[in-house]
Amino acid sequence: MNNEISNKQRNYTLFVLVLVFTSSHVDRQIMGILGQPIKESLLISDTQLGLLTGLMFAV
């Protein structure tokens, strides 16, 4: 019984870690995908977009 619970806990932990990693990866790729439309929408320069992106990665 303990082994079965241990396996369930291990699988659940692995599942949560995969979700967190996937969310983190997608979150970091969003600025690369949406950078140009954001730049055009806010009428900002490449430098300002770079600062915005850098701030996002720092936080």
C-alpha atoms as a PDB file:
ATOM      1  CA  MET A   1       0.000   0.000   0.000  1.00  0.00           C
ATOM      2  CA  ASN A   2       2.793   2.450   0.854  1.00  0.00           C
ATOM      3  CA  ASN A   3       4.483   1.733  -2.453  1.00  0.00           C
ATOM      4  CA  GLU A   4       1.249   2.498  -4.315  1.00  0.00           C
ATOM      5  CA  ILE A   5       0.817   5.806  -2.484  1.00  0.00           C
ATOM      6  CA  SER A   6       4.442   6.632  -3.126  1.00  0.00           C
ATOM      7  CA  ASN A   7       4.002   6.018  -6.857  1.00  0.00           C
ATOM      8  CA  LYS A   8       0.894   8.210  -6.939  1.00  0.00           C
ATOM      9  CA  GLN A   9       2.716  10.993  -5.131  1.00  0.00           C
ATOM     10  CA  ARG A  10       5.681  10.712  -7.471  1.00  0.00           C
ATOM     11  CA  ASN A  11       3.467  10.834 -10.556  1.00  0.00           C
ATOM     12  CA  TYR A  12       1.499  13.781  -9.200  1.00  0.00           C
ATOM     13  CA  THR A  13       4.698  15.682  -8.382  1.00  0.00           C
ATOM     14  CA  LEU A  14       6.089  14.992 -11.840  1.00  0.00           C
ATOM     15  CA  PHE A  15       2.835  16.159 -13.428  1.00  0.00           C
ATOM     16  CA  VAL A  16       2.871  19.422 -11.443  1.00  0.00           C
ATOM     17  CA  LEU A  17       6.522  20.064 -12.323  1.00  0.00           C
ATOM     18  CA  VAL A  18       5.813  19.505 -16.024  1.00  0.00           C
ATOM     19  CA  LEU A  19       2.904  21.960 -15.842  1.00  0.00           C
ATOM     20  CA  VAL A  20       5.070  24.567 -14.105  1.00  0.00           C
ATOM     21  CA  PHE A  21       7.897  24.130 -16.621  1.00  0.00           C
ATOM     22  CA  THR A  22       5.503  24.358 -19.571  1.00  0.00           C
ATOM     23  CA  SER A  23       3.847  27.465 -18.161  1.00  0.00           C
ATOM     24  CA  SER A  24       7.228  29.091 -17.573  1.00  0.00           C
ATOM     25  CA  HIS A  25       8.417  28.269 -21.086  1.00  0.00           C
ATOM     26  CA  VAL A  26       5.252  29.595 -22.753  1.00  0.00           C
ATOM     27  CA  ASP A  27       5.341  32.717 -20.586  1.00  0.00           C
ATOM     28  CA  ARG A  28       8.881  33.521 -21.711  1.00  0.00           C
ATOM     29  CA  GLN A  29       8.085  32.924 -25.384  1.00  0.00           C
ATOM     30  CA  ILE A  30       5.053  35.221 -25.431  1.00  0.00           C
ATOM     31  CA  MET A  31       7.139  38.412 -25.623  1.00  0.00           C
ATOM     32  CA  GLY A  32       9.056  37.026 -28.582  1.00  0.00           C
ATOM     33  CA  ILE A  33       5.854  36.159 -30.383  1.00  0.00           C
ATOM     34  CA  LEU A  34       3.928  39.313 -29.505  1.00  0.00           C
ATOM     35  CA  GLY A  35       6.861  41.757 -29.378  1.00  0.00           C
ATOM     36  CA  GLN A  36       6.275  43.380 -32.754  1.00  0.00           C
ATOM     37  CA  PRO A  37       2.505  43.899 -32.321  1.00  0.00           C
ATOM     38  CA  ILE A  38       3.106  45.331 -28.829  1.00  0.00           C
ATOM     39  CA  LYS A  39       5.790  47.643 -30.201  1.00  0.00           C
ATOM     40  CA  GLU A  40       3.491  48.910 -32.936  1.00  0.00           C
ATOM     41  CA  SER A  41       0.514  49.240 -30.604  1.00  0.00           C
ATOM     42  CA  LEU A  42       2.386  51.235 -27.950  1.00  0.00           C
ATOM     43  CA  LEU A  43       4.490  53.175 -30.493  1.00  0.00           C
ATOM     44  CA  ILE A  44       7.719  52.329 -28.675  1.00  0.00           C
ATOM     45  CA  SER A  45      11.252  51.907 -29.999  1.00  0.00           C
ATOM     46  CA  ASP A  46      13.283  48.703 -30.158  1.00  0.00           C
ATOM     47  CA  THR A  47      15.240  49.902 -27.117  1.00  0.00           C
ATOM     48  CA  GLN A  48      12.087  50.444 -25.082  1.00  0.00           C
ATOM     49  CA  LEU A  49      10.756  47.043 -26.106  1.00  0.00           C
ATOM     50  CA  GLY A  50      14.070  45.491 -25.073  1.00  0.00           C
ATOM     51  CA  LEU A  51      13.854  47.176 -21.676  1.00  0.00           C
ATOM     52  CA  LEU A  52      10.274  45.986 -21.274  1.00  0.00           C
ATOM     53  CA  THR A  53      11.247  42.437 -22.205  1.00  0.00           C
ATOM     54  CA  GLY A  54      14.267  42.515 -19.889  1.00  0.00           C
ATOM     55  CA  LEU A  55      12.092  43.736 -17.043  1.00  0.00           C
ATOM     56  CA  MET A  56       9.657  40.902 -17.681  1.00  0.00           C
ATOM     57  CA  PHE A  57      12.458  38.326 -17.439  1.00  0.00           C
ATOM     58  CA  ALA A  58      13.837  39.935 -14.280  1.00  0.00           C
ATOM     59  CA  VAL A  59      10.487  39.727 -12.507  1.00  0.00           C
END
